[in-house]
Each structure stands twice: as structure tokens, then as C-alpha cells.
Amino acid sequence: MLKTPYCTYIEKETIIVKQVFGSIKITDIKSIKPIEKTDLANTTRVLGNGGFLGYVGTFHSPKLGKFYMAAINKNELVKIVTYNGKIYVINYPHSLLEDRINE
């Protein structure tokens, strides 16, 4: 419950996912791509919460591999890959992706 994400701040080179307790700061972003709920088919929870008050923790899926998810629901999800190889899945308004890609 304390890791439940409640808002996302989008800056030019950083994305911050605020949680009830603490936050996740994503930097060194290599790519951001939208994903669909179907991309999460056959996903298994490795460590974390899988539905009650959001999806937070480490997960593994055949399509995405191992990733950290911090999402309140499965709407408007994106996959963020950093230059050091970390993968995050978060809620991110798809309408803002065009602005980010066109920078």
C-alpha cells in the first residue's frame, strides 16, 4: 500500500512516479514506447503487488522480459528503457508521447 503510485511528473530528461511513500526517479531514458494490456499476457509477479491498489514491483513477461512496474491500472501504459538496461512500465498519457518523440 505504501508503494502505490498516485501521480507522475514528466520533465524533459526525468520521469518521477510519486508513491504514497517515496518515489521512483527514472533518468537516462533511452526509449519510451506505448504498450497494450495484451503485451502483459502471461506476466508473472516476481516480487510485489499484482492488482490490489495497483501493480508495483518486479514482474516478468515473455514479451517484455524482466521489468519493474509502478502503475495504478493497466490503462495508457508505456515501457521505458534506460541506457543501463533497466525496464519500467508505468502509466503515462499517450497524448504526451508525440511531444517527447518530437523533441
C-alpha atoms as a PDB file:
ATOM      1  CA  MET A   1       0.000   0.000   0.000  1.00  0.00           C
ATOM      2  CA  LEU A   2       2.828   2.429   0.751  1.00  0.00           C
ATOM      3  CA  LYS A   3       4.324   1.915  -2.724  1.00  0.00           C
ATOM      4  CA  THR A   4       1.052   2.648  -4.547  1.00  0.00           C
ATOM      5  CA  PRO A   5       1.748   5.235  -7.267  1.00  0.00           C
ATOM      6  CA  TYR A   6      -0.562   8.232  -7.315  1.00  0.00           C
ATOM      7  CA  CYS A   7       0.901  10.684  -9.838  1.00  0.00           C
ATOM      8  CA  THR A   8       3.603  11.062 -12.454  1.00  0.00           C
ATOM      9  CA  TYR A   9       5.731  14.145 -13.096  1.00  0.00           C
ATOM     10  CA  ILE A  10       7.141  14.371 -16.592  1.00  0.00           C
ATOM     11  CA  GLU A  11      10.184  16.537 -17.100  1.00  0.00           C
ATOM     12  CA  LYS A  12      12.446  16.871 -20.120  1.00  0.00           C
ATOM     13  CA  GLU A  13      15.033  14.272 -19.029  1.00  0.00           C
ATOM     14  CA  THR A  14      13.426  12.715 -15.952  1.00  0.00           C
ATOM     15  CA  ILE A  15      10.187  10.977 -15.077  1.00  0.00           C
ATOM     16  CA  ILE A  16       9.182  10.826 -11.430  1.00  0.00           C
ATOM     17  CA  VAL A  17       6.483   8.437 -10.225  1.00  0.00           C
ATOM     18  CA  LYS A  18       5.271   9.659  -6.839  1.00  0.00           C
ATOM     19  CA  GLN A  19       4.167   6.959  -4.437  1.00  0.00           C
ATOM     20  CA  VAL A  20       2.361   7.152  -1.117  1.00  0.00           C
ATOM     21  CA  PHE A  21       5.795   6.590   0.452  1.00  0.00           C
ATOM     22  CA  GLY A  22       8.763   7.678  -1.639  1.00  0.00           C
ATOM     23  CA  SER A  23       9.108   7.983  -5.384  1.00  0.00           C
ATOM     24  CA  ILE A  24      10.760   6.418  -8.422  1.00  0.00           C
ATOM     25  CA  LYS A  25      13.053   8.681 -10.418  1.00  0.00           C
ATOM     26  CA  ILE A  26      13.739   7.459 -13.955  1.00  0.00           C
ATOM     27  CA  THR A  27      16.676   9.101 -15.736  1.00  0.00           C
ATOM     28  CA  ASP A  28      18.990   8.228 -18.646  1.00  0.00           C
ATOM     29  CA  ILE A  29      15.946   7.354 -20.736  1.00  0.00           C
ATOM     30  CA  LYS A  30      16.801   5.550 -23.949  1.00  0.00           C
ATOM     31  CA  SER A  31      13.255   4.913 -25.202  1.00  0.00           C
ATOM     32  CA  ILE A  32       9.603   5.263 -24.284  1.00  0.00           C
ATOM     33  CA  LYS A  33       7.060   3.208 -26.176  1.00  0.00           C
ATOM     34  CA  PRO A  34       3.357   2.600 -25.576  1.00  0.00           C
ATOM     35  CA  ILE A  35       2.305  -0.930 -24.733  1.00  0.00           C
ATOM     36  CA  GLU A  36      -1.089  -2.574 -24.654  1.00  0.00           C
ATOM     37  CA  LYS A  37      -2.662  -4.756 -21.988  1.00  0.00           C
ATOM     38  CA  THR A  38      -2.086  -7.706 -24.322  1.00  0.00           C
ATOM     39  CA  ASP A  39       1.684  -7.113 -24.074  1.00  0.00           C
ATOM     40  CA  LEU A  40       1.354  -8.171 -20.447  1.00  0.00           C
ATOM     41  CA  ALA A  41      -0.207 -11.550 -21.297  1.00  0.00           C
ATOM     42  CA  ASN A  42       1.307 -14.402 -19.251  1.00  0.00           C
ATOM     43  CA  THR A  43       3.092 -11.949 -16.960  1.00  0.00           C
ATOM     44  CA  THR A  44       4.177 -13.351 -13.610  1.00  0.00           C
ATOM     45  CA  ARG A  45       4.803 -11.363 -10.465  1.00  0.00           C
ATOM     46  CA  VAL A  46       8.313 -11.968  -9.148  1.00  0.00           C
ATOM     47  CA  LEU A  47       8.087  -9.672  -6.133  1.00  0.00           C
ATOM     48  CA  GLY A  48       5.417  -7.084  -5.425  1.00  0.00           C
ATOM     49  CA  ASN A  49       1.728  -6.332  -5.625  1.00  0.00           C
ATOM     50  CA  GLY A  50      -0.305  -7.504  -8.589  1.00  0.00           C
ATOM     51  CA  GLY A  51      -3.637  -5.714  -8.566  1.00  0.00           C
ATOM     52  CA  PHE A  52      -4.747  -4.613  -5.111  1.00  0.00           C
ATOM     53  CA  LEU A  53      -4.067  -0.840  -5.012  1.00  0.00           C
ATOM     54  CA  GLY A  54      -2.104  -1.022  -8.241  1.00  0.00           C
ATOM     55  CA  TYR A  55       0.693  -3.013  -9.810  1.00  0.00           C
ATOM     56  CA  VAL A  56       4.005  -2.373  -8.096  1.00  0.00           C
ATOM     57  CA  GLY A  57       7.126  -4.482  -8.082  1.00  0.00           C
ATOM     58  CA  THR A  58       9.204  -6.748 -10.266  1.00  0.00           C
ATOM     59  CA  PHE A  59       7.412  -8.731 -12.964  1.00  0.00           C
ATOM     60  CA  HIS A  60       8.399 -10.973 -15.874  1.00  0.00           C
ATOM     61  CA  SER A  61       6.630 -11.486 -19.172  1.00  0.00           C
ATOM     62  CA  PRO A  62       7.595 -13.445 -22.286  1.00  0.00           C
ATOM     63  CA  LYS A  63       7.224 -10.296 -24.402  1.00  0.00           C
ATOM     64  CA  LEU A  64       8.897  -7.669 -22.162  1.00  0.00           C
ATOM     65  CA  GLY A  65      11.309  -9.747 -20.099  1.00  0.00           C
ATOM     66  CA  LYS A  66      12.010  -8.690 -16.501  1.00  0.00           C
ATOM     67  CA  PHE A  67      10.694  -5.222 -15.621  1.00  0.00           C
ATOM     68  CA  TYR A  68       9.637  -3.005 -12.740  1.00  0.00           C
ATOM     69  CA  MET A  69       6.024  -1.864 -12.883  1.00  0.00           C
ATOM     70  CA  ALA A  70       4.519   1.043 -10.974  1.00  0.00           C
ATOM     71  CA  ALA A  71       1.012   1.521 -12.325  1.00  0.00           C
ATOM     72  CA  ILE A  72      -2.332   2.182 -10.709  1.00  0.00           C
ATOM     73  CA  ASN A  73      -4.158   0.441 -13.572  1.00  0.00           C
ATOM     74  CA  LYS A  74      -3.435  -1.062 -16.982  1.00  0.00           C
ATOM     75  CA  ASN A  75      -4.574   1.975 -18.992  1.00  0.00           C
ATOM     76  CA  GLU A  76      -2.138   4.039 -21.069  1.00  0.00           C
ATOM     77  CA  LEU A  77       0.951   2.054 -20.191  1.00  0.00           C
ATOM     78  CA  VAL A  78       4.423   2.726 -21.528  1.00  0.00           C
ATOM     79  CA  LYS A  79       7.637   0.751 -21.472  1.00  0.00           C
ATOM     80  CA  ILE A  80      10.639   2.867 -20.531  1.00  0.00           C
ATOM     81  CA  VAL A  81      14.115   1.508 -21.212  1.00  0.00           C
ATOM     82  CA  THR A  82      17.136   3.245 -19.698  1.00  0.00           C
ATOM     83  CA  TYR A  83      20.658   3.262 -21.093  1.00  0.00           C
ATOM     84  CA  ASN A  84      21.788   0.944 -18.297  1.00  0.00           C
ATOM     85  CA  GLY A  85      19.195  -1.649 -19.355  1.00  0.00           C
ATOM     86  CA  LYS A  86      16.511  -1.162 -16.696  1.00  0.00           C
ATOM     87  CA  ILE A  87      12.929  -1.547 -17.904  1.00  0.00           C
ATOM     88  CA  TYR A  88       9.984   0.229 -16.291  1.00  0.00           C
ATOM     89  CA  VAL A  89       6.284   0.002 -17.066  1.00  0.00           C
ATOM     90  CA  ILE A  90       4.219   2.949 -15.829  1.00  0.00           C
ATOM     91  CA  ASN A  91       1.009   4.827 -16.558  1.00  0.00           C
ATOM     92  CA  TYR A  92       1.857   7.645 -18.962  1.00  0.00           C
ATOM     93  CA  PRO A  93      -0.612   9.681 -21.026  1.00  0.00           C
ATOM     94  CA  HIS A  94      -0.149   8.543 -24.625  1.00  0.00           C
ATOM     95  CA  SER A  95      -1.119  12.017 -25.813  1.00  0.00           C
ATOM     96  CA  LEU A  96       2.192  13.281 -24.367  1.00  0.00           C
ATOM     97  CA  LEU A  97       4.317  10.745 -26.232  1.00  0.00           C
ATOM     98  CA  GLU A  98       4.255  12.704 -29.504  1.00  0.00           C
ATOM     99  CA  ASP A  99       5.727  15.743 -27.756  1.00  0.00           C
ATOM    100  CA  ARG A 100       8.504  13.631 -26.272  1.00  0.00           C
ATOM    101  CA  ILE A 101       9.326  11.895 -29.562  1.00  0.00           C
ATOM    102  CA  ASN A 102       9.391  15.192 -31.496  1.00  0.00           C
ATOM    103  CA  GLU A 103      11.932  16.869 -29.157  1.00  0.00           C
END
